[in-house]
Amino acid sequence: MVFWRKKSIMIVEITTVALVLSSIAVVSFLHTDEQATSHPCPETHKLFCNSLFVDAVYEPENNIVKITYSDNKKWTSLVILEILGMEETFHKEFSQQSFVEIVQFDSAPKYGWASMPVVFSINHEVLGKIELKTEIHPYDEPKPKVIYSIISHSEQRSFIDPMHQP
């Protein structure tokens, strides 16, 4: 009788330990996954992520999209902003290193914001001609990832180590 009691206590303890370890594993996985999505910049694009910021936020109470661009290294000479997927493509050019553009909409698009990508075509002193592409998102949803593309390299790129510029 004592043997069976010890065996059942041992089974309960093993089950408890297994449940605790499973819970820790799930929490760790969720935490890691959250970090990965909140910092979606791959190692190969650190210069983009560390110096350029773009976002396009839909504010439904005003039916506006607030589009933000910022180059904290001040290497931007021209930005062409386009919103694709509209009846008539939104197109505007900027010569500043940062700006906020407000675009009025009648309503959210029928097929969702993913059907209207926002493209930043940039003349960059160090990287050359580059494009950044993102999606409009409601203010209460996470920022979508940004797609970074180098269209043509800058002549200065071979002479400057952009990671160590002030």
N, C-alpha and C. Protein backbone atom coordinates (compact mmCIF):
# COMPACT_ATOMS: atom_id res chain seq x y z
N MET A 1 0.81 -1.19 0.00
CA MET A 1 0.00 0.00 0.00
C MET A 1 0.86 1.26 0.00
N VAL A 2 1.90 1.26 0.82
CA VAL A 2 2.81 2.40 0.89
C VAL A 2 3.52 2.59 -0.46
N PHE A 3 3.86 1.49 -1.09
CA PHE A 3 4.53 1.55 -2.39
C PHE A 3 3.66 2.27 -3.42
N TRP A 4 2.36 1.96 -3.49
CA TRP A 4 1.46 2.59 -4.45
C TRP A 4 1.25 4.07 -4.13
N ARG A 5 1.21 4.40 -2.84
CA ARG A 5 1.05 5.80 -2.44
C ARG A 5 2.27 6.61 -2.91
N LYS A 6 3.48 6.07 -2.68
CA LYS A 6 4.70 6.76 -3.12
C LYS A 6 4.72 6.89 -4.64
N LYS A 7 4.27 5.85 -5.32
CA LYS A 7 4.26 5.87 -6.77
C LYS A 7 3.28 6.94 -7.28
N SER A 8 2.11 7.06 -6.69
CA SER A 8 1.14 8.07 -7.13
C SER A 8 1.63 9.49 -6.80
N ILE A 9 2.30 9.66 -5.67
CA ILE A 9 2.87 10.97 -5.33
C ILE A 9 3.95 11.34 -6.33
N MET A 10 4.76 10.36 -6.71
CA MET A 10 5.82 10.60 -7.66
C MET A 10 5.24 10.97 -9.03
N ILE A 11 4.17 10.32 -9.45
CA ILE A 11 3.52 10.64 -10.73
C ILE A 11 2.97 12.06 -10.70
N VAL A 12 2.36 12.45 -9.59
CA VAL A 12 1.84 13.82 -9.45
C VAL A 12 2.98 14.83 -9.53
N GLU A 13 4.10 14.55 -8.86
CA GLU A 13 5.24 15.46 -8.90
C GLU A 13 5.81 15.57 -10.31
N ILE A 14 5.95 14.46 -11.00
CA ILE A 14 6.48 14.48 -12.37
C ILE A 14 5.54 15.26 -13.28
N THR A 15 4.24 15.05 -13.13
CA THR A 15 3.26 15.77 -13.94
C THR A 15 3.33 17.27 -13.65
N THR A 16 3.46 17.64 -12.39
CA THR A 16 3.56 19.06 -12.02
C THR A 16 4.81 19.69 -12.63
N VAL A 17 5.94 19.01 -12.54
CA VAL A 17 7.18 19.53 -13.12
C VAL A 17 7.03 19.67 -14.63
N ALA A 18 6.43 18.69 -15.28
CA ALA A 18 6.23 18.75 -16.73
C ALA A 18 5.35 19.93 -17.11
N LEU A 19 4.29 20.17 -16.37
CA LEU A 19 3.41 21.31 -16.65
C LEU A 19 4.13 22.64 -16.45
N VAL A 20 4.91 22.75 -15.39
CA VAL A 20 5.66 23.98 -15.13
C VAL A 20 6.66 24.23 -16.26
N LEU A 21 7.41 23.21 -16.66
CA LEU A 21 8.38 23.37 -17.74
C LEU A 21 7.70 23.71 -19.06
N SER A 22 6.57 23.10 -19.34
CA SER A 22 5.82 23.42 -20.56
C SER A 22 5.36 24.87 -20.55
N SER A 23 4.88 25.33 -19.41
CA SER A 23 4.43 26.72 -19.29
C SER A 23 5.58 27.68 -19.52
N ILE A 24 6.73 27.39 -18.95
CA ILE A 24 7.91 28.24 -19.14
C ILE A 24 8.30 28.27 -20.61
N ALA A 25 8.28 27.13 -21.26
CA ALA A 25 8.65 27.06 -22.68
C ALA A 25 7.69 27.88 -23.54
N VAL A 26 6.40 27.80 -23.27
CA VAL A 26 5.41 28.55 -24.04
C VAL A 26 5.59 30.05 -23.82
N VAL A 27 5.76 30.47 -22.57
CA VAL A 27 5.96 31.89 -22.27
C VAL A 27 7.23 32.40 -22.94
N SER A 28 8.31 31.64 -22.89
CA SER A 28 9.56 32.04 -23.53
C SER A 28 9.38 32.17 -25.03
N PHE A 29 8.67 31.23 -25.64
CA PHE A 29 8.44 31.28 -27.08
C PHE A 29 7.64 32.52 -27.45
N LEU A 30 6.57 32.79 -26.71
CA LEU A 30 5.75 33.96 -27.01
C LEU A 30 6.54 35.24 -26.84
N HIS A 31 7.37 35.32 -25.81
CA HIS A 31 8.19 36.51 -25.58
C HIS A 31 9.18 36.69 -26.72
N THR A 32 9.83 35.61 -27.15
CA THR A 32 10.79 35.68 -28.26
C THR A 32 10.09 36.09 -29.54
N ASP A 33 8.91 35.51 -29.81
CA ASP A 33 8.17 35.84 -31.01
C ASP A 33 7.76 37.30 -31.01
N GLU A 34 7.35 37.83 -29.85
CA GLU A 34 6.96 39.23 -29.74
C GLU A 34 8.15 40.14 -30.04
N GLN A 35 9.33 39.79 -29.53
CA GLN A 35 10.52 40.59 -29.81
C GLN A 35 10.85 40.56 -31.29
N ALA A 36 10.71 39.41 -31.93
CA ALA A 36 11.04 39.29 -33.35
C ALA A 36 10.12 40.16 -34.19
N THR A 37 8.83 40.23 -33.86
CA THR A 37 7.92 41.02 -34.67
C THR A 37 8.01 42.51 -34.34
N SER A 38 8.40 42.86 -33.13
CA SER A 38 8.50 44.28 -32.82
C SER A 38 9.80 44.89 -33.34
N HIS A 39 10.79 44.06 -33.66
CA HIS A 39 12.04 44.51 -34.26
C HIS A 39 12.32 43.67 -35.50
N PRO A 40 11.55 43.90 -36.60
CA PRO A 40 11.66 43.02 -37.76
C PRO A 40 12.85 43.30 -38.66
N CYS A 41 13.77 44.16 -38.26
CA CYS A 41 14.89 44.52 -39.12
C CYS A 41 15.95 43.42 -39.14
N PRO A 42 16.23 42.85 -40.32
CA PRO A 42 17.28 41.83 -40.39
C PRO A 42 18.66 42.46 -40.21
N GLU A 43 19.60 41.66 -39.81
CA GLU A 43 20.97 42.12 -39.54
C GLU A 43 21.57 42.84 -40.75
N THR A 44 21.26 42.37 -41.96
CA THR A 44 21.82 42.96 -43.18
C THR A 44 21.28 44.35 -43.48
N HIS A 45 20.22 44.77 -42.81
CA HIS A 45 19.61 46.08 -43.07
C HIS A 45 19.71 47.03 -41.87
N LYS A 46 20.67 46.81 -41.00
CA LYS A 46 20.78 47.63 -39.79
C LYS A 46 20.97 49.11 -40.09
N LEU A 47 21.71 49.45 -41.17
CA LEU A 47 21.90 50.86 -41.50
C LEU A 47 20.56 51.51 -41.82
N PHE A 48 19.73 50.82 -42.60
CA PHE A 48 18.39 51.35 -42.89
C PHE A 48 17.61 51.56 -41.59
N CYS A 49 17.57 50.53 -40.78
CA CYS A 49 16.74 50.55 -39.56
C CYS A 49 17.24 51.58 -38.55
N ASN A 50 18.54 51.75 -38.47
CA ASN A 50 19.11 52.66 -37.48
C ASN A 50 19.06 54.12 -37.91
N SER A 51 18.95 54.39 -39.21
CA SER A 51 18.97 55.79 -39.63
C SER A 51 17.68 56.26 -40.28
N LEU A 52 16.88 55.35 -40.83
CA LEU A 52 15.65 55.74 -41.52
C LEU A 52 14.42 55.21 -40.78
N PHE A 53 13.41 56.06 -40.65
CA PHE A 53 12.16 55.66 -40.02
C PHE A 53 11.02 56.03 -40.94
N VAL A 54 10.13 55.07 -41.22
CA VAL A 54 8.92 55.35 -41.99
C VAL A 54 7.73 54.72 -41.28
N ASP A 55 6.58 55.37 -41.42
CA ASP A 55 5.35 54.82 -40.86
C ASP A 55 4.18 55.47 -41.60
N ALA A 56 3.07 54.75 -41.66
CA ALA A 56 1.85 55.25 -42.29
C ALA A 56 0.67 54.79 -41.43
N VAL A 57 0.10 55.72 -40.68
CA VAL A 57 -0.91 55.39 -39.68
C VAL A 57 -2.27 55.96 -40.08
N TYR A 58 -3.27 55.07 -40.11
CA TYR A 58 -4.65 55.49 -40.41
C TYR A 58 -5.34 55.90 -39.12
N GLU A 59 -5.94 57.08 -39.13
CA GLU A 59 -6.72 57.58 -38.00
C GLU A 59 -8.19 57.62 -38.42
N PRO A 60 -8.97 56.58 -38.06
CA PRO A 60 -10.34 56.47 -38.57
C PRO A 60 -11.28 57.59 -38.12
N GLU A 61 -11.03 58.18 -36.96
CA GLU A 61 -11.93 59.24 -36.49
C GLU A 61 -11.87 60.47 -37.39
N ASN A 62 -10.74 60.67 -38.10
CA ASN A 62 -10.58 61.81 -39.01
C ASN A 62 -10.50 61.38 -40.47
N ASN A 63 -10.50 60.07 -40.74
CA ASN A 63 -10.30 59.53 -42.09
C ASN A 63 -9.04 60.08 -42.75
N ILE A 64 -7.96 60.09 -41.98
CA ILE A 64 -6.68 60.54 -42.54
C ILE A 64 -5.62 59.46 -42.34
N VAL A 65 -4.60 59.53 -43.18
CA VAL A 65 -3.41 58.71 -43.01
C VAL A 65 -2.26 59.67 -42.76
N LYS A 66 -1.56 59.46 -41.67
CA LYS A 66 -0.40 60.28 -41.32
C LYS A 66 0.85 59.50 -41.72
N ILE A 67 1.57 60.01 -42.72
CA ILE A 67 2.77 59.34 -43.24
C ILE A 67 3.99 60.09 -42.73
N THR A 68 4.89 59.34 -42.10
CA THR A 68 6.08 59.93 -41.48
C THR A 68 7.33 59.37 -42.13
N TYR A 69 8.28 60.27 -42.40
CA TYR A 69 9.61 59.87 -42.88
C TYR A 69 10.64 60.65 -42.08
N SER A 70 11.70 59.97 -41.65
CA SER A 70 12.76 60.64 -40.92
C SER A 70 14.10 59.96 -41.19
N ASP A 71 15.10 60.76 -41.52
CA ASP A 71 16.47 60.29 -41.70
C ASP A 71 17.31 60.95 -40.62
N ASN A 72 17.60 60.22 -39.54
CA ASN A 72 18.32 60.83 -38.43
C ASN A 72 19.80 61.06 -38.72
N LYS A 73 20.32 60.51 -39.82
CA LYS A 73 21.71 60.76 -40.22
C LYS A 73 21.82 61.97 -41.16
N LYS A 74 20.67 62.45 -41.66
CA LYS A 74 20.61 63.63 -42.55
C LYS A 74 21.32 63.38 -43.88
N TRP A 75 21.20 62.16 -44.42
CA TRP A 75 21.83 61.81 -45.70
C TRP A 75 20.83 61.80 -46.85
N THR A 76 19.59 62.20 -46.63
CA THR A 76 18.57 62.19 -47.68
C THR A 76 18.61 63.50 -48.45
N SER A 77 18.61 63.40 -49.79
CA SER A 77 18.52 64.61 -50.60
C SER A 77 17.15 64.75 -51.27
N LEU A 78 16.46 63.62 -51.50
CA LEU A 78 15.14 63.66 -52.13
C LEU A 78 14.34 62.42 -51.73
N VAL A 79 13.06 62.62 -51.45
CA VAL A 79 12.14 61.51 -51.20
C VAL A 79 10.93 61.69 -52.11
N ILE A 80 10.60 60.65 -52.86
CA ILE A 80 9.37 60.63 -53.64
C ILE A 80 8.43 59.68 -52.91
N LEU A 81 7.33 60.22 -52.44
CA LEU A 81 6.34 59.45 -51.69
C LEU A 81 5.19 59.09 -52.62
N GLU A 82 4.84 57.80 -52.64
CA GLU A 82 3.70 57.36 -53.45
C GLU A 82 2.83 56.40 -52.63
N ILE A 83 1.53 56.53 -52.80
CA ILE A 83 0.59 55.55 -52.26
C ILE A 83 -0.04 54.87 -53.46
N LEU A 84 0.27 53.59 -53.62
CA LEU A 84 -0.22 52.84 -54.77
C LEU A 84 -1.58 52.23 -54.46
N GLY A 85 -2.28 51.80 -55.49
CA GLY A 85 -3.56 51.12 -55.31
C GLY A 85 -4.75 52.05 -55.23
N MET A 86 -4.51 53.35 -55.30
CA MET A 86 -5.61 54.31 -55.29
C MET A 86 -6.10 54.48 -56.73
N GLU A 87 -7.30 55.06 -56.90
CA GLU A 87 -7.78 55.34 -58.25
C GLU A 87 -6.74 56.14 -59.01
N GLU A 88 -6.23 57.17 -58.36
CA GLU A 88 -5.12 57.95 -58.90
C GLU A 88 -4.00 57.91 -57.86
N THR A 89 -2.82 57.41 -58.27
CA THR A 89 -1.70 57.25 -57.35
C THR A 89 -1.35 58.58 -56.70
N PHE A 90 -1.24 58.57 -55.37
CA PHE A 90 -0.77 59.76 -54.65
C PHE A 90 0.72 59.88 -54.89
N HIS A 91 1.19 61.07 -55.25
CA HIS A 91 2.61 61.29 -55.57
C HIS A 91 3.00 62.67 -55.05
N LYS A 92 4.07 62.71 -54.26
CA LYS A 92 4.57 63.99 -53.76
C LYS A 92 6.07 63.86 -53.53
N GLU A 93 6.81 64.96 -53.78
CA GLU A 93 8.26 64.96 -53.62
C GLU A 93 8.66 65.89 -52.48
N PHE A 94 9.69 65.45 -51.75
CA PHE A 94 10.20 66.20 -50.59
C PHE A 94 11.71 66.30 -50.69
N SER A 95 12.25 67.45 -50.32
CA SER A 95 13.71 67.61 -50.28
C SER A 95 14.22 67.71 -48.84
N GLN A 96 13.37 67.44 -47.86
CA GLN A 96 13.76 67.48 -46.45
C GLN A 96 14.21 66.09 -45.98
N GLN A 97 14.95 66.08 -44.87
CA GLN A 97 15.36 64.82 -44.25
C GLN A 97 14.26 64.20 -43.39
N SER A 98 13.22 64.96 -43.10
CA SER A 98 12.09 64.40 -42.37
C SER A 98 10.83 65.20 -42.71
N PHE A 99 9.72 64.50 -42.66
CA PHE A 99 8.44 65.16 -42.93
C PHE A 99 7.30 64.29 -42.41
N VAL A 100 6.14 64.94 -42.24
CA VAL A 100 4.89 64.25 -41.94
C VAL A 100 3.88 64.75 -42.97
N GLU A 101 3.30 63.85 -43.71
CA GLU A 101 2.31 64.19 -44.74
C GLU A 101 0.96 63.61 -44.32
N ILE A 102 -0.07 64.44 -44.38
CA ILE A 102 -1.42 64.02 -44.04
C ILE A 102 -2.19 63.83 -45.35
N VAL A 103 -2.78 62.64 -45.51
CA VAL A 103 -3.55 62.33 -46.72
C VAL A 103 -4.98 62.00 -46.29
N GLN A 104 -5.94 62.69 -46.88
CA GLN A 104 -7.35 62.49 -46.56
C GLN A 104 -7.92 61.31 -47.35
N PHE A 105 -8.71 60.46 -46.70
CA PHE A 105 -9.40 59.34 -47.34
C PHE A 105 -10.88 59.44 -47.02
N ASP A 106 -11.71 58.97 -47.93
CA ASP A 106 -13.16 58.92 -47.66
C ASP A 106 -13.48 57.83 -46.65
N SER A 107 -12.76 56.70 -46.77
CA SER A 107 -12.96 55.56 -45.87
C SER A 107 -11.80 54.59 -46.05
N ALA A 108 -11.78 53.57 -45.22
CA ALA A 108 -10.76 52.53 -45.37
C ALA A 108 -11.03 51.79 -46.69
N PRO A 109 -9.99 51.29 -47.37
CA PRO A 109 -10.20 50.63 -48.65
C PRO A 109 -10.98 49.32 -48.52
N LYS A 110 -11.73 49.01 -49.55
CA LYS A 110 -12.59 47.83 -49.57
C LYS A 110 -11.80 46.55 -49.33
N TYR A 111 -10.60 46.45 -49.89
CA TYR A 111 -9.79 45.23 -49.79
C TYR A 111 -8.68 45.33 -48.75
N GLY A 112 -8.79 46.29 -47.85
CA GLY A 112 -7.82 46.42 -46.76
C GLY A 112 -6.63 47.29 -47.14
N TRP A 113 -5.90 47.71 -46.13
CA TRP A 113 -4.77 48.60 -46.34
C TRP A 113 -3.61 47.93 -47.06
N ALA A 114 -3.53 46.61 -47.01
CA ALA A 114 -2.45 45.91 -47.72
C ALA A 114 -2.55 46.13 -49.23
N SER A 115 -3.73 46.50 -49.72
CA SER A 115 -3.91 46.74 -51.15
C SER A 115 -3.43 48.12 -51.57
N MET A 116 -2.93 48.91 -50.61
CA MET A 116 -2.46 50.27 -50.90
C MET A 116 -1.09 50.51 -50.27
N PRO A 117 -0.04 49.89 -50.82
CA PRO A 117 1.29 50.07 -50.23
C PRO A 117 1.79 51.51 -50.35
N VAL A 118 2.61 51.89 -49.39
CA VAL A 118 3.24 53.22 -49.38
C VAL A 118 4.70 53.01 -49.74
N VAL A 119 5.16 53.73 -50.79
CA VAL A 119 6.52 53.56 -51.29
C VAL A 119 7.28 54.88 -51.14
N PHE A 120 8.47 54.79 -50.56
CA PHE A 120 9.38 55.92 -50.41
C PHE A 120 10.57 55.66 -51.34
N SER A 121 10.70 56.42 -52.43
CA SER A 121 11.87 56.32 -53.31
C SER A 121 12.82 57.43 -52.86
N ILE A 122 14.03 57.04 -52.46
CA ILE A 122 14.93 57.96 -51.76
C ILE A 122 16.26 58.09 -52.48
N ASN A 123 16.72 59.34 -52.65
CA ASN A 123 18.11 59.59 -53.06
C ASN A 123 18.89 59.80 -51.77
N HIS A 124 19.80 58.88 -51.50
CA HIS A 124 20.53 58.85 -50.24
C HIS A 124 22.01 59.02 -50.53
N GLU A 125 22.67 59.94 -49.84
CA GLU A 125 24.08 60.26 -50.11
C GLU A 125 25.01 59.07 -49.94
N VAL A 126 24.72 58.18 -49.01
CA VAL A 126 25.60 57.04 -48.73
C VAL A 126 25.14 55.77 -49.44
N LEU A 127 23.87 55.48 -49.39
CA LEU A 127 23.36 54.23 -49.95
C LEU A 127 23.01 54.31 -51.42
N GLY A 128 22.83 55.50 -51.96
CA GLY A 128 22.44 55.66 -53.36
C GLY A 128 20.93 55.78 -53.46
N LYS A 129 20.38 55.25 -54.55
CA LYS A 129 18.92 55.26 -54.72
C LYS A 129 18.36 54.02 -54.05
N ILE A 130 17.44 54.25 -53.12
CA ILE A 130 16.85 53.14 -52.36
C ILE A 130 15.33 53.29 -52.34
N GLU A 131 14.65 52.20 -52.05
CA GLU A 131 13.20 52.24 -51.87
C GLU A 131 12.83 51.55 -50.58
N LEU A 132 11.89 52.15 -49.88
CA LEU A 132 11.31 51.56 -48.68
C LEU A 132 9.83 51.41 -48.95
N LYS A 133 9.29 50.25 -48.62
CA LYS A 133 7.88 49.99 -48.87
C LYS A 133 7.25 49.48 -47.58
N THR A 134 6.10 50.05 -47.23
CA THR A 134 5.38 49.61 -46.04
C THR A 134 3.88 49.66 -46.31
N GLU A 135 3.10 49.32 -45.31
CA GLU A 135 1.65 49.34 -45.43
C GLU A 135 1.06 50.34 -44.44
N ILE A 136 -0.07 50.88 -44.80
CA ILE A 136 -0.83 51.71 -43.89
C ILE A 136 -1.45 50.79 -42.83
N HIS A 137 -1.47 51.25 -41.60
CA HIS A 137 -2.07 50.45 -40.54
C HIS A 137 -2.84 51.36 -39.59
N PRO A 138 -3.94 50.87 -39.02
CA PRO A 138 -4.66 51.65 -38.01
C PRO A 138 -3.75 51.93 -36.80
N TYR A 139 -3.96 53.04 -36.15
CA TYR A 139 -3.10 53.46 -35.04
C TYR A 139 -3.06 52.46 -33.90
N ASP A 140 -4.11 51.64 -33.75
CA ASP A 140 -4.16 50.69 -32.64
C ASP A 140 -3.65 49.30 -33.02
N GLU A 141 -3.03 49.18 -34.19
CA GLU A 141 -2.44 47.91 -34.62
C GLU A 141 -0.93 48.07 -34.76
N PRO A 142 -0.17 46.97 -34.67
CA PRO A 142 1.28 47.07 -34.78
C PRO A 142 1.72 47.55 -36.16
N LYS A 143 2.86 48.19 -36.16
CA LYS A 143 3.45 48.69 -37.40
C LYS A 143 3.89 47.50 -38.26
N PRO A 144 3.51 47.47 -39.55
CA PRO A 144 3.95 46.38 -40.43
C PRO A 144 5.44 46.49 -40.72
N LYS A 145 6.00 45.40 -41.23
CA LYS A 145 7.42 45.43 -41.57
C LYS A 145 7.66 46.36 -42.76
N VAL A 146 8.89 46.80 -42.88
CA VAL A 146 9.32 47.66 -43.98
C VAL A 146 10.21 46.84 -44.89
N ILE A 147 9.97 46.94 -46.20
CA ILE A 147 10.81 46.25 -47.18
C ILE A 147 11.82 47.26 -47.69
N TYR A 148 13.11 46.91 -47.60
CA TYR A 148 14.20 47.79 -47.99
C TYR A 148 14.83 47.28 -49.28
N SER A 149 15.04 48.16 -50.27
CA SER A 149 15.66 47.76 -51.53
C SER A 149 16.67 48.82 -51.96
N ILE A 150 17.85 48.37 -52.38
CA ILE A 150 18.83 49.28 -52.96
C ILE A 150 18.65 49.22 -54.47
N ILE A 151 18.34 50.36 -55.09
CA ILE A 151 18.11 50.42 -56.53
C ILE A 151 19.44 50.62 -57.26
N SER A 152 20.25 51.58 -56.80
CA SER A 152 21.60 51.78 -57.34
C SER A 152 22.48 52.30 -56.21
N HIS A 153 23.72 51.84 -56.19
CA HIS A 153 24.65 52.20 -55.12
C HIS A 153 25.22 53.60 -55.32
N SER A 154 25.58 54.22 -54.21
CA SER A 154 26.22 55.53 -54.22
C SER A 154 27.71 55.36 -54.47
N GLU A 155 28.31 56.34 -55.12
CA GLU A 155 29.76 56.34 -55.32
C GLU A 155 30.48 56.46 -53.98
N GLN A 156 29.87 57.18 -53.03
CA GLN A 156 30.49 57.40 -51.72
C GLN A 156 30.49 56.14 -50.87
N ARG A 157 29.66 55.18 -51.20
CA ARG A 157 29.50 54.01 -50.33
C ARG A 157 30.81 53.27 -50.12
N SER A 158 31.66 53.21 -51.14
CA SER A 158 32.92 52.48 -51.00
C SER A 158 33.93 53.25 -50.16
N PHE A 159 33.73 54.56 -49.98
CA PHE A 159 34.68 55.36 -49.22
C PHE A 159 34.24 55.63 -47.79
N ILE A 160 32.98 55.42 -47.50
CA ILE A 160 32.44 55.75 -46.18
C ILE A 160 31.96 54.48 -45.52
N ASP A 161 32.30 54.34 -44.25
CA ASP A 161 31.73 53.25 -43.47
C ASP A 161 30.50 53.82 -42.78
N PRO A 162 29.31 53.60 -43.35
CA PRO A 162 28.11 54.26 -42.82
C PRO A 162 27.77 53.88 -41.40
N MET A 163 28.25 52.76 -40.93
CA MET A 163 27.92 52.35 -39.57
C MET A 163 28.65 53.20 -38.53
N HIS A 164 29.70 53.88 -38.93
CA HIS A 164 30.47 54.67 -37.96
C HIS A 164 30.38 56.17 -38.20
N GLN A 165 29.42 56.60 -38.99
CA GLN A 165 29.23 58.03 -39.20
C GLN A 165 28.45 58.63 -38.04
N PRO A 166 28.74 59.88 -37.68
CA PRO A 166 27.99 60.52 -36.59
C PRO A 166 26.55 60.79 -36.95
